[in-house]
């Protein structure tokens, strides 16, 4: 009997949700396969924008900016990036950032990356699925949804004192998850051959 995340299991389809522990030996392979399946469905002329949501002022909520900063260093062609440790996208500027994206790009495909809280048994898992993330939902904030698809990392347990929980999340866990997500994107983008030459974009 095959385990759910064995490498020789069927390749992930673009419409399927993938959930995998970041520390699995083949997590980057499976995540990049999933991302590649989605990227292959996007027309070459459609700009791809990644929005890494979060803040460097909270350990748990720094997952998005950490991923953004790692992707920025990789300087991936065909990728437009918003949200880094230096220039985070958070509750105070999220709406403005989304307006900027719509003004600068024609029909962009937006991928949202964000931290979230969940059950104890799910901490450390990374999820990739269709549809937007709803930033701030875990701490009862009303913010606009982000993304045509999402990548979320479950960084800690939800349900009680969420602000305190995010502030006291282990940095080592968040950094490890961010590294896996960033490497998965790098692998997925390097495997797609039909990129039009575009440059990395970041918020100033």
Protein backbone atom coordinates (compact mmCIF):
# COMPACT_ATOMS: atom_id res chain seq x y z
CA UNK A 1 0.00 0.00 0.00
CA UNK A 2 1.37 3.38 -1.01
CA UNK A 3 1.68 6.21 1.48
CA UNK A 4 -0.17 9.46 0.59
CA UNK A 5 2.99 11.39 -0.28
CA UNK A 6 5.11 8.76 -2.00
CA UNK A 7 7.00 10.14 -5.00
CA UNK A 8 5.57 7.54 -7.38
CA UNK A 9 1.99 8.44 -6.52
CA UNK A 10 -0.03 10.12 -9.29
CA UNK A 11 1.19 13.58 -10.22
CA UNK A 12 -0.88 16.37 -8.65
CA UNK A 13 -3.51 17.97 -10.83
CA UNK A 14 -3.93 21.72 -10.95
CA UNK A 15 -7.38 21.53 -9.33
CA UNK A 16 -6.38 19.32 -6.42
CA UNK A 17 -5.42 20.65 -3.00
CA UNK A 18 -2.06 19.43 -1.73
CA UNK A 19 -1.21 19.28 1.96
CA UNK A 20 2.19 18.01 3.05
CA UNK A 21 4.46 18.27 6.08
CA UNK A 22 7.34 20.61 5.27
CA UNK A 23 9.86 18.20 6.78
CA UNK A 24 8.94 15.29 4.49
CA UNK A 25 11.97 14.19 2.48
CA UNK A 26 10.18 14.81 -0.82
CA UNK A 27 8.19 17.89 0.16
CA UNK A 28 9.93 20.18 -2.33
CA UNK A 29 9.45 17.68 -5.15
CA UNK A 30 5.73 17.32 -4.47
CA UNK A 31 5.13 21.02 -3.93
CA UNK A 32 7.01 21.99 -7.08
CA UNK A 33 5.07 19.34 -9.05
CA UNK A 34 1.83 20.85 -7.80
CA UNK A 35 2.94 24.40 -8.62
CA UNK A 36 4.15 23.29 -12.06
CA UNK A 37 0.76 21.72 -12.78
CA UNK A 38 -0.87 25.08 -12.08
CA UNK A 39 1.72 27.14 -13.97
CA UNK A 40 1.24 25.02 -17.09
CA UNK A 41 -2.40 26.13 -17.22
CA UNK A 42 -1.48 29.84 -17.28
CA UNK A 43 -1.09 31.43 -20.74
CA UNK A 44 2.42 32.68 -21.48
CA UNK A 45 1.23 36.27 -21.88
CA UNK A 46 -0.58 36.35 -18.53
CA UNK A 47 1.59 37.94 -15.83
CA UNK A 48 2.16 35.92 -12.67
CA UNK A 49 2.21 37.89 -9.43
CA UNK A 50 3.11 36.45 -6.05
CA UNK A 51 1.83 38.32 -3.00
CA UNK A 52 3.55 37.27 0.22
CA UNK A 53 1.28 38.44 3.02
CA UNK A 54 2.51 39.02 6.58
CA UNK A 55 4.70 41.13 8.80
CA UNK A 56 8.20 40.91 10.21
CA UNK A 57 6.85 42.17 13.55
CA UNK A 58 5.35 38.78 14.41
CA UNK A 59 7.32 35.55 14.25
CA UNK A 60 4.42 33.39 13.09
CA UNK A 61 3.15 35.96 10.62
CA UNK A 62 6.59 36.41 9.06
CA UNK A 63 6.25 33.32 6.84
CA UNK A 64 5.09 35.31 3.82
CA UNK A 65 7.77 38.01 3.99
CA UNK A 66 10.46 35.37 4.57
CA UNK A 67 9.37 33.53 1.42
CA UNK A 68 9.28 36.84 -0.46
CA UNK A 69 12.81 37.77 0.56
CA UNK A 70 14.14 34.35 -0.47
CA UNK A 71 12.39 34.55 -3.84
CA UNK A 72 13.74 38.07 -4.33
CA UNK A 73 17.30 36.78 -3.91
CA UNK A 74 16.68 34.07 -6.52
CA UNK A 75 15.66 36.71 -9.08
CA UNK A 76 13.35 34.33 -10.97
CA UNK A 77 12.43 35.33 -14.51
CA UNK A 78 8.72 35.57 -15.20
CA UNK A 79 7.85 36.32 -11.60
CA UNK A 80 6.48 39.56 -10.16
CA UNK A 81 6.83 39.73 -6.40
CA UNK A 82 5.18 41.77 -3.65
CA UNK A 83 5.93 41.32 0.05
CA UNK A 84 9.40 40.93 1.57
CA UNK A 85 10.93 41.45 5.00
CA UNK A 86 12.05 44.91 3.92
CA UNK A 87 8.76 45.80 2.22
CA UNK A 88 6.04 43.61 3.76
CA UNK A 89 2.42 43.43 2.60
CA UNK A 90 0.26 43.52 5.71
CA UNK A 91 -3.09 44.69 7.03
CA UNK A 92 -2.22 48.38 6.67
CA UNK A 93 -1.24 48.28 2.98
CA UNK A 94 -2.90 45.15 1.59
CA UNK A 95 -5.79 46.93 -0.15
CA UNK A 96 -3.42 49.49 -1.67
CA UNK A 97 -1.10 46.73 -2.87
CA UNK A 98 -3.95 44.89 -4.58
CA UNK A 99 -5.02 48.10 -6.34
CA UNK A 100 -1.44 48.68 -7.48
CA UNK A 101 -1.24 45.17 -8.94
CA UNK A 102 -4.47 45.65 -10.89
CA UNK A 103 -3.21 49.00 -12.22
CA UNK A 104 0.20 47.70 -13.28
CA UNK A 105 -0.73 44.33 -14.79
CA UNK A 106 -3.26 43.22 -17.35
CA UNK A 107 -5.31 40.32 -15.97
CA UNK A 108 -2.62 39.02 -13.60
CA UNK A 109 -2.68 35.53 -12.12
CA UNK A 110 -2.14 36.12 -8.42
CA UNK A 111 -0.62 33.55 -6.07
CA UNK A 112 -0.98 34.37 -2.37
CA UNK A 113 1.41 33.11 0.29
CA UNK A 114 0.44 33.45 3.94
CA UNK A 115 0.77 31.89 7.38
CA UNK A 116 -2.22 30.40 9.12
CA UNK A 117 -3.18 28.69 12.36
CA UNK A 118 -4.70 25.24 12.61
CA UNK A 119 -4.99 22.08 14.64
CA UNK A 120 -2.03 20.83 16.64
CA UNK A 121 -1.63 17.82 14.36
CA UNK A 122 -1.42 20.11 11.30
CA UNK A 123 1.33 22.44 12.53
CA UNK A 124 4.21 22.37 10.05
CA UNK A 125 2.05 21.46 7.06
CA UNK A 126 2.08 23.44 3.81
CA UNK A 127 -1.08 23.63 1.72
CA UNK A 128 -1.48 24.55 -1.95
CA UNK A 129 -4.94 25.01 -3.38
CA UNK A 130 -7.28 26.95 -5.63
CA UNK A 131 -8.88 30.20 -4.56
CA UNK A 132 -7.79 33.08 -2.38
CA UNK A 133 -6.48 33.31 1.15
CA UNK A 134 -8.36 35.46 3.64
CA UNK A 135 -5.64 37.32 5.53
CA UNK A 136 -6.47 38.19 9.10
CA UNK A 137 -9.23 35.60 9.44
CA UNK A 138 -7.33 33.84 12.22
CA UNK A 139 -7.17 37.02 14.29
CA UNK A 140 -10.67 38.30 13.41
CA UNK A 141 -9.59 40.99 10.96
CA UNK A 142 -11.68 41.92 7.92
CA UNK A 143 -9.25 42.10 4.99
CA UNK A 144 -9.78 41.57 1.24
CA UNK A 145 -9.20 38.04 -0.10
CA UNK A 146 -6.00 37.57 -2.10
CA UNK A 147 -5.11 35.28 -4.97
CA UNK A 148 -6.41 32.96 -7.64
CA UNK A 149 -4.54 30.25 -5.77
CA UNK A 150 -2.83 30.10 -2.41
CA UNK A 151 0.10 28.59 -0.55
CA UNK A 152 -0.35 28.59 3.20
CA UNK A 153 1.80 27.32 6.03
CA UNK A 154 0.24 26.21 9.31
CA UNK A 155 2.68 27.72 11.78
CA UNK A 156 0.89 27.19 15.08
CA UNK A 157 -2.32 26.19 16.86
CA UNK A 158 -5.43 28.32 16.43
CA UNK A 159 -8.54 28.86 18.50
CA UNK A 160 -7.25 30.80 21.51
CA UNK A 161 -5.27 34.03 21.95
CA UNK A 162 -4.22 34.09 18.30
CA UNK A 163 -2.09 37.23 18.52
CA UNK A 164 -0.12 35.76 21.42
CA UNK A 165 0.26 32.44 19.60
CA UNK A 166 1.61 34.12 16.46
CA UNK A 167 4.03 36.23 18.47
CA UNK A 168 5.36 33.11 20.21
CA UNK A 169 5.73 30.82 17.21
CA UNK A 170 9.12 29.18 16.83
CA UNK A 171 11.27 31.07 14.32
CA UNK A 172 13.10 27.89 13.32
CA UNK A 173 9.84 26.32 12.15
CA UNK A 174 8.78 29.39 10.17
CA UNK A 175 12.18 29.72 8.50
CA UNK A 176 12.26 26.03 7.56
CA UNK A 177 8.79 26.24 6.03
CA UNK A 178 9.70 29.43 4.15
CA UNK A 179 12.79 27.75 2.69
CA UNK A 180 10.76 24.78 1.46
CA UNK A 181 8.14 27.03 -0.16
CA UNK A 182 10.75 29.26 -1.84
CA UNK A 183 12.73 26.30 -3.18
CA UNK A 184 9.53 24.75 -4.51
CA UNK A 185 8.72 27.90 -6.47
CA UNK A 186 12.27 28.10 -7.79
CA UNK A 187 12.08 24.50 -8.99
CA UNK A 188 8.65 24.97 -10.54
CA UNK A 189 9.64 28.11 -12.43
CA UNK A 190 12.94 26.63 -13.65
CA UNK A 191 11.04 23.68 -15.10
CA UNK A 192 8.71 25.78 -17.24
CA UNK A 193 10.23 26.56 -20.60
CA UNK A 194 7.77 29.03 -22.17
CA UNK A 195 8.50 32.15 -20.14
CA UNK A 196 8.43 35.56 -21.71
CA UNK A 197 11.40 37.62 -20.51
CA UNK A 198 10.22 39.75 -17.61
CA UNK A 199 11.98 41.07 -14.58
CA UNK A 200 11.32 40.79 -10.90
CA UNK A 201 9.13 43.51 -9.44
CA UNK A 202 9.00 44.48 -5.80
CA UNK A 203 7.38 47.17 -3.68
CA UNK A 204 9.49 50.23 -2.96
